[in-house]
C-alpha atoms as a PDB file:
ATOM      1  CA  MET A   1      47.701  51.114  78.965  1.00  0.00           C
ATOM      2  CA  ASN A   2      47.303  52.496  75.410  1.00  0.00           C
ATOM      3  CA  GLN A   3      49.834  54.751  73.676  1.00  0.00           C
ATOM      4  CA  LYS A   4      48.021  58.042  74.455  1.00  0.00           C
ATOM      5  CA  LYS A   5      47.869  57.207  78.174  1.00  0.00           C
ATOM      6  CA  ILE A   6      51.578  56.331  78.178  1.00  0.00           C
ATOM      7  CA  ILE A   7      52.444  59.684  76.558  1.00  0.00           C
ATOM      8  CA  ARG A   8      50.293  61.590  79.062  1.00  0.00           C
ATOM      9  CA  PHE A   9      51.922  59.685  81.924  1.00  0.00           C
ATOM     10  CA  ILE A  10      55.444  60.538  80.666  1.00  0.00           C
ATOM     11  CA  ILE A  11      54.579  64.251  80.254  1.00  0.00           C
ATOM     12  CA  ALA A  12      53.103  64.430  83.766  1.00  0.00           C
ATOM     13  CA  ALA A  13      56.190  62.741  85.228  1.00  0.00           C
ATOM     14  CA  VAL A  14      58.534  65.188  83.463  1.00  0.00           C
ATOM     15  CA  VAL A  15      56.535  68.219  84.668  1.00  0.00           C
ATOM     16  CA  LEU A  16      56.564  66.901  88.227  1.00  0.00           C
ATOM     17  CA  LEU A  17      60.320  66.243  88.101  1.00  0.00           C
ATOM     18  CA  VAL A  18      61.215  69.691  86.707  1.00  0.00           C
ATOM     19  CA  GLY A  19      58.888  71.502  89.094  1.00  0.00           C
ATOM     20  CA  GLY A  20      60.261  69.614  92.056  1.00  0.00           C
ATOM     21  CA  THR A  21      63.859  70.359  91.087  1.00  0.00           C
ATOM     22  CA  THR A  22      63.456  74.084  90.495  1.00  0.00           C
ATOM     23  CA  GLY A  23      61.336  74.454  93.598  1.00  0.00           C
ATOM     24  CA  VAL A  24      63.954  73.096  96.005  1.00  0.00           C
ATOM     25  CA  LYS A  25      65.276  75.750  98.363  1.00  0.00           C
ATOM     26  CA  SER A  26      68.997  75.802  98.950  1.00  0.00           C
ATOM     27  CA  LEU A  27      70.304  75.965 102.491  1.00  0.00           C
ATOM     28  CA  ASN A  28      72.346  77.883 104.979  1.00  0.00           C
ATOM     29  CA  HIS A  29      73.192  81.400 103.817  1.00  0.00           C
ATOM     30  CA  ASP A  30      70.511  84.016 104.197  1.00  0.00           C
ATOM     31  CA  THR A  31      69.645  87.417 102.885  1.00  0.00           C
ATOM     32  CA  SER A  32      66.886  89.483 104.442  1.00  0.00           C
ATOM     33  CA  ASP A  33      64.282  91.756 102.934  1.00  0.00           C
ATOM     34  CA  SER A  34      62.769  94.888 104.437  1.00  0.00           C
ATOM     35  CA  ASN A  35      60.437  92.857 106.628  1.00  0.00           C
ATOM     36  CA  GLY A  36      63.287  90.859 108.084  1.00  0.00           C
ATOM     37  CA  SER A  37      62.280  87.593 106.428  1.00  0.00           C
ATOM     38  CA  SER A  38      65.054  85.190 105.534  1.00  0.00           C
ATOM     39  CA  GLN A  39      65.677  83.212 102.374  1.00  0.00           C
ATOM     40  CA  PRO A  40      67.858  80.157 103.106  1.00  0.00           C
ATOM     41  CA  ARG A  41      70.664  79.588 100.633  1.00  0.00           C
ATOM     42  CA  SER A  42      73.207  76.888  99.952  1.00  0.00           C
ATOM     43  CA  ALA A  43      76.283  76.661 102.143  1.00  0.00           C
ATOM     44  CA  ASN A  44      78.360  75.648  99.150  1.00  0.00           C
ATOM     45  CA  SER A  45      77.028  78.118  96.602  1.00  0.00           C
ATOM     46  CA  ARG A  46      74.667  80.469  98.362  1.00  0.00           C
ATOM     47  CA  ARG A  47      74.045  82.597  95.280  1.00  0.00           C
ATOM     48  CA  THR A  48      74.301  82.262  91.548  1.00  0.00           C
ATOM     49  CA  ALA A  49      76.931  84.306  89.776  1.00  0.00           C
ATOM     50  CA  GLY A  50      76.117  87.947  90.350  1.00  0.00           C
ATOM     51  CA  THR A  51      73.080  87.972  92.579  1.00  0.00           C
ATOM     52  CA  GLY A  52      71.373  84.691  93.209  1.00  0.00           C
ATOM     53  CA  ARG A  53      68.339  86.321  91.623  1.00  0.00           C
ATOM     54  CA  GLY A  54      69.368  86.923  88.041  1.00  0.00           C
ATOM     55  CA  THR A  55      72.111  88.307  85.851  1.00  0.00           C
ATOM     56  CA  THR A  56      70.652  91.447  84.291  1.00  0.00           C
ATOM     57  CA  ALA A  57      72.906  94.359  83.420  1.00  0.00           C
ATOM     58  CA  SER A  58      72.332  96.285  86.642  1.00  0.00           C
ATOM     59  CA  ALA A  59      73.326  93.185  88.630  1.00  0.00           C
ATOM     60  CA  ASN A  60      76.826  93.420  87.218  1.00  0.00           C
ATOM     61  CA  ALA A  61      79.842  94.296  89.312  1.00  0.00           C
ATOM     62  CA  PRO A  62      80.111  97.984  90.229  1.00  0.00           C
ATOM     63  CA  THR A  63      82.248 100.205  88.082  1.00  0.00           C
ATOM     64  CA  LYS A  64      85.677 101.215  89.270  1.00  0.00           C
ATOM     65  CA  ALA A  65      84.400 104.764  89.856  1.00  0.00           C
ATOM     66  CA  LEU A  66      81.551 103.565  92.076  1.00  0.00           C
ATOM     67  CA  ALA A  67      83.797 101.157  93.987  1.00  0.00           C
ATOM     68  CA  GLU A  68      86.415 103.863  94.549  1.00  0.00           C
ATOM     69  CA  SER A  69      83.796 106.302  95.841  1.00  0.00           C
ATOM     70  CA  VAL A  70      84.092 104.759  99.326  1.00  0.00           C
ATOM     71  CA  LEU A  71      87.905 104.889  99.370  1.00  0.00           C
ATOM     72  CA  THR A  72      88.209 108.118 101.305  1.00  0.00           C
ATOM     73  CA  PRO A  73      91.587 109.051 102.837  1.00  0.00           C
ATOM     74  CA  THR A  74      90.380 107.681 106.194  1.00  0.00           C
ATOM     75  CA  VAL A  75      89.412 104.338 104.658  1.00  0.00           C
ATOM     76  CA  ARG A  76      92.670 104.098 102.700  1.00  0.00           C
ATOM     77  CA  THR A  77      94.655 104.688 105.880  1.00  0.00           C
ATOM     78  CA  GLN A  78      92.861 101.837 107.652  1.00  0.00           C
ATOM     79  CA  LEU A  79      93.585  99.458 104.769  1.00  0.00           C
ATOM     80  CA  LYS A  80      97.316 100.236 105.303  1.00  0.00           C
ATOM     81  CA  TYR A  81      98.729  98.412 102.279  1.00  0.00           C
ATOM     82  CA  THR A  82      98.609  98.853  98.502  1.00  0.00           C
ATOM     83  CA  ILE A  83      95.087  98.995  97.052  1.00  0.00           C
ATOM     84  CA  THR A  84      94.646  97.621  93.525  1.00  0.00           C
ATOM     85  CA  TRP A  85      91.408  97.454  91.538  1.00  0.00           C
ATOM     86  CA  ASN A  86      90.744  93.831  90.516  1.00  0.00           C
ATOM     87  CA  GLY A  87      88.418  94.642  87.606  1.00  0.00           C
ATOM     88  CA  THR A  88      85.537  92.607  89.041  1.00  0.00           C
ATOM     89  CA  GLY A  89      84.103  94.877  91.723  1.00  0.00           C
ATOM     90  CA  SER A  90      86.643  94.648  94.549  1.00  0.00           C
ATOM     91  CA  PHE A  91      90.212  95.602  95.427  1.00  0.00           C
ATOM     92  CA  ALA A  92      93.307  93.523  96.147  1.00  0.00           C
ATOM     93  CA  ILE A  93      95.111  94.635  99.295  1.00  0.00           C
ATOM     94  CA  ASN A  94      98.856  94.074  99.755  1.00  0.00           C
ATOM     95  CA  ASN A  95      99.036  92.483  96.281  1.00  0.00           C
ATOM     96  CA  ASN A  96      96.307  90.068  97.410  1.00  0.00           C
ATOM     97  CA  LYS A  97      98.589  88.514 100.036  1.00  0.00           C
ATOM     98  CA  SER A  98      97.250  87.838 103.530  1.00  0.00           C
ATOM     99  CA  THR A  99      99.139  89.062 106.577  1.00  0.00           C
ATOM    100  CA  LEU A 100      97.649  86.304 108.764  1.00  0.00           C
ATOM    101  CA  ASN A 101      99.622  83.498 110.355  1.00  0.00           C
ATOM    102  CA  ALA A 102      97.995  80.201 109.392  1.00  0.00           C
ATOM    103  CA  ASN A 103     100.573  77.960 111.063  1.00  0.00           C
ATOM    104  CA  VAL A 104      98.821  77.703 114.405  1.00  0.00           C
ATOM    105  CA  SER A 105      98.077  74.513 116.296  1.00  0.00           C
ATOM    106  CA  SER A 106      95.115  75.597 118.416  1.00  0.00           C
ATOM    107  CA  ALA A 107      91.635  74.146 118.170  1.00  0.00           C
ATOM    108  CA  PRO A 108      89.289  75.907 115.734  1.00  0.00           C
ATOM    109  CA  TYR A 109      87.738  79.078 117.132  1.00  0.00           C
ATOM    110  CA  ALA A 110      85.619  82.086 116.162  1.00  0.00           C
ATOM    111  CA  THR A 111      85.537  85.463 117.911  1.00  0.00           C
ATOM    112  CA  ASN A 112      84.197  88.974 117.405  1.00  0.00           C
ATOM    113  CA  LYS A 113      85.614  92.189 118.745  1.00  0.00           C
ATOM    114  CA  PRO A 114      83.117  94.205 120.830  1.00  0.00           C
ATOM    115  CA  GLN A 115      80.928  96.827 119.206  1.00  0.00           C
ATOM    116  CA  ASP A 116      82.029 100.424 119.549  1.00  0.00           C
ATOM    117  CA  SER A 117      80.093 103.232 121.267  1.00  0.00           C
ATOM    118  CA  LEU A 118      77.946 103.675 118.140  1.00  0.00           C
ATOM    119  CA  GLY A 119      76.903 100.040 118.199  1.00  0.00           C
ATOM    120  CA  ARG A 120      78.907  99.179 115.083  1.00  0.00           C
ATOM    121  CA  PRO A 121      80.409  95.710 114.572  1.00  0.00           C
ATOM    122  CA  HIS A 122      84.078  95.709 113.634  1.00  0.00           C
ATOM    123  CA  GLN A 123      85.983  92.460 113.393  1.00  0.00           C
ATOM    124  CA  PHE A 124      85.723  88.694 113.125  1.00  0.00           C
ATOM    125  CA  ASP A 125      88.666  86.338 113.624  1.00  0.00           C
ATOM    126  CA  GLY A 126      88.665  82.594 113.266  1.00  0.00           C
ATOM    127  CA  LEU A 127      90.650  79.450 112.749  1.00  0.00           C
ATOM    128  CA  LEU A 128      88.342  77.358 110.615  1.00  0.00           C
ATOM    129  CA  SER A 129      88.224  73.690 109.702  1.00  0.00           C
ATOM    130  CA  LYS A 130      85.750  71.211 108.332  1.00  0.00           C
ATOM    131  CA  SER A 131      84.362  70.845 111.851  1.00  0.00           C
ATOM    132  CA  THR A 132      83.302  74.524 111.873  1.00  0.00           C
ATOM    133  CA  ARG A 133      81.321  74.163 108.638  1.00  0.00           C
ATOM    134  CA  ILE A 134      77.564  73.758 108.745  1.00  0.00           C
ATOM    135  CA  TYR A 135      75.180  72.510 106.080  1.00  0.00           C
ATOM    136  CA  GLN A 136      71.776  72.829 107.753  1.00  0.00           C
ATOM    137  CA  ASN A 137      69.767  76.013 107.380  1.00  0.00           C
ATOM    138  CA  ARG A 138      69.254  78.398 110.281  1.00  0.00           C
ATOM    139  CA  THR A 139      65.831  77.118 111.240  1.00  0.00           C
ATOM    140  CA  GLU A 140      67.181  73.610 111.636  1.00  0.00           C
ATOM    141  CA  THR A 141      69.984  74.784 113.933  1.00  0.00           C
ATOM    142  CA  GLY A 142      68.060  77.391 115.940  1.00  0.00           C
ATOM    143  CA  ASN A 143      70.039  80.276 114.423  1.00  0.00           C
ATOM    144  CA  ASP A 144      67.035  81.950 112.777  1.00  0.00           C
ATOM    145  CA  LYS A 145      66.777  84.988 115.076  1.00  0.00           C
ATOM    146  CA  THR A 146      67.270  88.409 113.465  1.00  0.00           C
ATOM    147  CA  MET A 147      67.926  92.029 114.399  1.00  0.00           C
ATOM    148  CA  ARG A 148      68.328  95.372 112.662  1.00  0.00           C
ATOM    149  CA  PRO A 149      71.978  96.473 112.627  1.00  0.00           C
ATOM    150  CA  VAL A 150      72.873 100.138 112.959  1.00  0.00           C
ATOM    151  CA  GLY A 151      72.344 102.102 109.759  1.00  0.00           C
ATOM    152  CA  TRP A 152      69.526  99.820 108.631  1.00  0.00           C
ATOM    153  CA  ASN A 153      67.268 101.965 106.416  1.00  0.00           C
ATOM    154  CA  GLN A 154      65.916  99.484 103.918  1.00  0.00           C
ATOM    155  CA  ILE A 155      64.546 100.419 100.508  1.00  0.00           C
ATOM    156  CA  GLN A 156      63.038  98.210  97.835  1.00  0.00           C
ATOM    157  CA  LEU A 157      64.691  97.845  94.438  1.00  0.00           C
ATOM    158  CA  SER A 158      63.020  96.876  91.193  1.00  0.00           C
ATOM    159  CA  GLY A 159      64.814  94.923  88.504  1.00  0.00           C
ATOM    160  CA  GLY A 160      68.508  94.243  88.370  1.00  0.00           C
ATOM    161  CA  GLY A 161      68.245  90.954  90.223  1.00  0.00           C
ATOM    162  CA  TYR A 162      67.933  92.470  93.708  1.00  0.00           C
ATOM    163  CA  SER A 163      64.622  93.056  95.460  1.00  0.00           C
ATOM    164  CA  HIS A 164      66.072  95.244  98.234  1.00  0.00           C
ATOM    165  CA  LEU A 165      69.155  97.303  99.010  1.00  0.00           C
ATOM    166  CA  TYR A 166      70.422  95.936 102.314  1.00  0.00           C
ATOM    167  CA  ASP A 167      71.223  92.492 103.674  1.00  0.00           C
ATOM    168  CA  ARG A 168      72.149  91.561 107.201  1.00  0.00           C
ATOM    169  CA  GLY A 169      75.784  90.996 106.346  1.00  0.00           C
ATOM    170  CA  HIS A 170      77.830  88.580 108.432  1.00  0.00           C
ATOM    171  CA  LEU A 171      81.431  89.272 109.250  1.00  0.00           C
ATOM    172  CA  GLY A 172      81.915  85.608 110.072  1.00  0.00           C
ATOM    173  CA  GLY A 173      79.661  83.763 107.629  1.00  0.00           C
ATOM    174  CA  TYR A 174      77.152  81.265 109.020  1.00  0.00           C
ATOM    175  CA  ALA A 175      78.221  78.397 106.737  1.00  0.00           C
ATOM    176  CA  LEU A 176      81.852  78.847 107.797  1.00  0.00           C
ATOM    177  CA  VAL A 177      81.408  79.019 111.584  1.00  0.00           C
ATOM    178  CA  GLY A 178      77.950  77.641 112.342  1.00  0.00           C
ATOM    179  CA  GLY A 179      79.528  74.400 113.523  1.00  0.00           C
ATOM    180  CA  ILE A 180      81.070  76.141 116.538  1.00  0.00           C
ATOM    181  CA  ARG A 181      78.347  75.896 119.171  1.00  0.00           C
ATOM    182  CA  SER A 182      79.888  78.535 121.418  1.00  0.00           C
ATOM    183  CA  PHE A 183      79.676  81.154 118.644  1.00  0.00           C
ATOM    184  CA  ASP A 184      76.429  83.021 117.910  1.00  0.00           C
ATOM    185  CA  ALA A 185      76.142  82.625 114.134  1.00  0.00           C
ATOM    186  CA  SER A 186      72.589  83.970 113.993  1.00  0.00           C
ATOM    187  CA  GLU A 187      71.512  87.233 112.418  1.00  0.00           C
ATOM    188  CA  ALA A 188      70.835  88.552 115.919  1.00  0.00           C
ATOM    189  CA  ASN A 189      74.492  88.850 116.963  1.00  0.00           C
ATOM    190  CA  PRO A 190      75.173  92.612 116.861  1.00  0.00           C
ATOM    191  CA  LYS A 191      78.942  92.021 117.002  1.00  0.00           C
ATOM    192  CA  ASN A 192      78.803  89.980 113.801  1.00  0.00           C
ATOM    193  CA  ILE A 193      76.076  91.621 111.683  1.00  0.00           C
ATOM    194  CA  ALA A 194      76.458  94.835 109.669  1.00  0.00           C
ATOM    195  CA  THR A 195      74.310  96.741 107.207  1.00  0.00           C
ATOM    196  CA  GLN A 196      75.654  95.492 103.884  1.00  0.00           C
ATOM    197  CA  THR A 197      74.392  96.013 100.352  1.00  0.00           C
ATOM    198  CA  ALA A 198      72.895  93.079  98.516  1.00  0.00           C
ATOM    199  CA  TRP A 199      75.643  93.237  95.899  1.00  0.00           C
ATOM    200  CA  ALA A 200      78.505  93.344  98.422  1.00  0.00           C
ATOM    201  CA  ASN A 201      77.020  90.437 100.364  1.00  0.00           C
ATOM    202  CA  GLU A 202      75.728  88.201  97.586  1.00  0.00           C
ATOM    203  CA  ALA A 203      77.839  88.559  94.433  1.00  0.00           C
ATOM    204  CA  ALA A 204      79.659  85.295  93.807  1.00  0.00           C
ATOM    205  CA  GLY A 205      80.859  85.219  90.207  1.00  0.00           C
ATOM    206  CA  VAL A 206      84.465  85.179  89.049  1.00  0.00           C
ATOM    207  CA  ASP A 207      83.614  88.392  87.210  1.00  0.00           C
ATOM    208  CA  ASN A 208      81.537  89.788  90.075  1.00  0.00           C
ATOM    209  CA  THR A 209      83.465  89.386  93.313  1.00  0.00           C
ATOM    210  CA  GLY A 210      81.411  90.279  96.361  1.00  0.00           C
ATOM    211  CA  GLN A 211      81.949  88.775  99.801  1.00  0.00           C
ATOM    212  CA  ASN A 212      80.201  85.535  98.869  1.00  0.00           C
ATOM    213  CA  TYR A 213      82.759  84.868  96.149  1.00  0.00           C
ATOM    214  CA  TYR A 214      85.583  84.928  98.690  1.00  0.00           C
ATOM    215  CA  GLU A 215      83.611  82.967 101.262  1.00  0.00           C
ATOM    216  CA  GLY A 216      83.097  80.348  98.569  1.00  0.00           C
ATOM    217  CA  ILE A 217      86.854  79.886  98.281  1.00  0.00           C
ATOM    218  CA  VAL A 218      87.031  79.276 102.027  1.00  0.00           C
ATOM    219  CA  ARG A 219      84.024  76.938 102.028  1.00  0.00           C
ATOM    220  CA  LYS A 220      85.653  74.826  99.344  1.00  0.00           C
ATOM    221  CA  ALA A 221      88.931  74.671 101.274  1.00  0.00           C
ATOM    222  CA  LEU A 222      87.152  73.583 104.468  1.00  0.00           C
ATOM    223  CA  ASP A 223      85.249  70.913 102.569  1.00  0.00           C
ATOM    224  CA  GLN A 224      88.648  69.634 101.431  1.00  0.00           C
ATOM    225  CA  ASN A 225      89.629  69.284 105.101  1.00  0.00           C
ATOM    226  CA  LYS A 226      91.994  72.269 105.115  1.00  0.00           C
ATOM    227  CA  ARG A 227      92.524  74.599 108.068  1.00  0.00           C
ATOM    228  CA  VAL A 228      92.078  78.285 107.300  1.00  0.00           C
ATOM    229  CA  ARG A 229      92.830  81.469 109.244  1.00  0.00           C
ATOM    230  CA  TYR A 230      90.095  83.933 108.411  1.00  0.00           C
ATOM    231  CA  ARG A 231      89.540  87.586 109.297  1.00  0.00           C
ATOM    232  CA  VAL A 232      86.917  90.145 108.306  1.00  0.00           C
ATOM    233  CA  ILE A 233      87.194  93.796 109.347  1.00  0.00           C
ATOM    234  CA  ASP A 234      84.433  96.249 108.540  1.00  0.00           C
ATOM    235  CA  ILE A 235      85.992  99.588 107.606  1.00  0.00           C
ATOM    236  CA  TYR A 236      84.145 102.805 108.519  1.00  0.00           C
ATOM    237  CA  ASP A 237      84.779 106.388 107.494  1.00  0.00           C
ATOM    238  CA  GLY A 238      84.697 108.378 110.730  1.00  0.00           C
ATOM    239  CA  ASN A 239      81.407 108.009 112.608  1.00  0.00           C
ATOM    240  CA  ASN A 240      79.435 106.672 109.651  1.00  0.00           C
ATOM    241  CA  LEU A 241      76.989 103.955 110.675  1.00  0.00           C
ATOM    242  CA  VAL A 242      77.273 102.003 107.423  1.00  0.00           C
ATOM    243  CA  PRO A 243      80.667 100.509 106.605  1.00  0.00           C
ATOM    244  CA  ALA A 244      82.539 101.621 103.508  1.00  0.00           C
ATOM    245  CA  GLY A 245      83.343  97.976 102.916  1.00  0.00           C
ATOM    246  CA  ALA A 246      84.920  94.846 104.323  1.00  0.00           C
ATOM    247  CA  ASN A 247      88.580  93.869 104.392  1.00  0.00           C
ATOM    248  CA  ILE A 248      88.585  90.071 104.045  1.00  0.00           C
ATOM    249  CA  GLN A 249      91.658  87.901 104.511  1.00  0.00           C
ATOM    250  CA  ALA A 250      92.139  84.149 104.398  1.00  0.00           C
ATOM    251  CA  LYS A 251      95.146  81.871 104.490  1.00  0.00           C
ATOM    252  CA  SER A 252      95.233  78.087 104.691  1.00  0.00           C
ATOM    253  CA  SER A 253      97.938  76.179 106.521  1.00  0.00           C
ATOM    254  CA  ASP A 254      99.049  74.534 103.264  1.00  0.00           C
ATOM    255  CA  GLY A 255      99.237  77.897 101.456  1.00  0.00           C
ATOM    256  CA  SER A 256      96.738  76.948  98.747  1.00  0.00           C
ATOM    257  CA  VAL A 257      94.353  79.693  99.916  1.00  0.00           C
ATOM    258  CA  ASN A 258      95.857  83.141 100.316  1.00  0.00           C
ATOM    259  CA  PHE A 259      93.947  86.353  99.658  1.00  0.00           C
ATOM    260  CA  ASN A 260      93.538  89.860 101.046  1.00  0.00           C
ATOM    261  CA  VAL A 261      90.752  91.963  99.538  1.00  0.00           C
ATOM    262  CA  PHE A 262      88.464  94.913 100.153  1.00  0.00           C
ATOM    263  CA  VAL A 263      84.835  94.505  99.080  1.00  0.00           C
ATOM    264  CA  PRO A 264      83.251  97.966  98.752  1.00  0.00           C
ATOM    265  CA  ASN A 265      79.796  98.348 100.277  1.00  0.00           C
ATOM    266  CA  VAL A 266      78.148  99.799  97.182  1.00  0.00           C
ATOM    267  CA  GLN A 267      75.160  99.074  94.978  1.00  0.00           C
ATOM    268  CA  ASN A 268      74.631  99.948  91.333  1.00  0.00           C
ATOM    269  CA  GLY A 269      71.946 102.593  90.782  1.00  0.00           C
ATOM    270  CA  VAL A 270      71.758 103.658  94.434  1.00  0.00           C
ATOM    271  CA  VAL A 271      73.180 106.627  96.344  1.00  0.00           C
ATOM    272  CA  ILE A 272      73.900 105.802 100.000  1.00  0.00           C
ATOM    273  CA  ASN A 273      74.379 108.233 102.860  1.00  0.00           C
ATOM    274  CA  TYR A 274      76.878 106.177 104.865  1.00  0.00           C
ATOM    275  CA  LYS A 275      76.487 108.395 107.911  1.00  0.00           C
ATOM    276  CA  THR A 276      72.862 107.342 108.400  1.00  0.00           C
ATOM    277  CA  GLY A 277      72.199 104.479 105.993  1.00  0.00           C
ATOM    278  CA  VAL A 278      69.451 106.444 104.234  1.00  0.00           C
ATOM    279  CA  ALA A 279      69.613 105.781 100.488  1.00  0.00           C
ATOM    280  CA  LYS A 280      67.841 106.731  97.295  1.00  0.00           C
ATOM    281  CA  ILE A 281      67.604 105.274  93.833  1.00  0.00           C
ATOM    282  CA  LYS A 282      69.340 107.319  91.158  1.00  0.00           C
END
């Protein structure tokens, strides 16, 4: 083989390697577009910092003013404890200290409270361990069914790293509880799926703390063979169909994980009617 052929062979190999690497789909955590299609994401890092689709300016964390816009008196009352802006999109509740009891000896479990008369999901509770984790994507485990939660009025977004406004947001995340066979971790469980903005569901950066950021802390703890009490409560203002946000708590039995936060269900550049889920771009 002469020198020119060797060079061409090396270039072709490099192109094939790069293309194959960037084309690999990550597994396990999904977001859904307006047609209900799913995009599997990694169980360990289901999105890149910010959005999983880019880091442009409009994909940044919401401003304090936007985040506080959902903190009506009714929502504040349900959160019960002190509410402190964390500077990265969310709020610390009770000085970021969980009220959960993690010193329990039962087997791992995952439960949802029933929907209310409006069909809204409300609460997930679980005792999680490495055995509850799952690393396969939904198709591989038969959890690829979907539904439209109440308040689902999808719109398309352009730019900013997000292609659409709403995701099917899990209260109990698939990668955390998919290993419990008795629990329906699909996107067709109406007790566990809410209409959640793409930012609130996906943001995972230390400077952009959506629900995925906090789930990532729990995923890491479970991978380290820790046991974690975990609770997610969707908070609604009155009879609104779309939640104002999610109160997320976690506490490990060894105390290394301990947080209590409220992730507001907001999206930069969008005005949401939480009563109906109808939204418009500013």
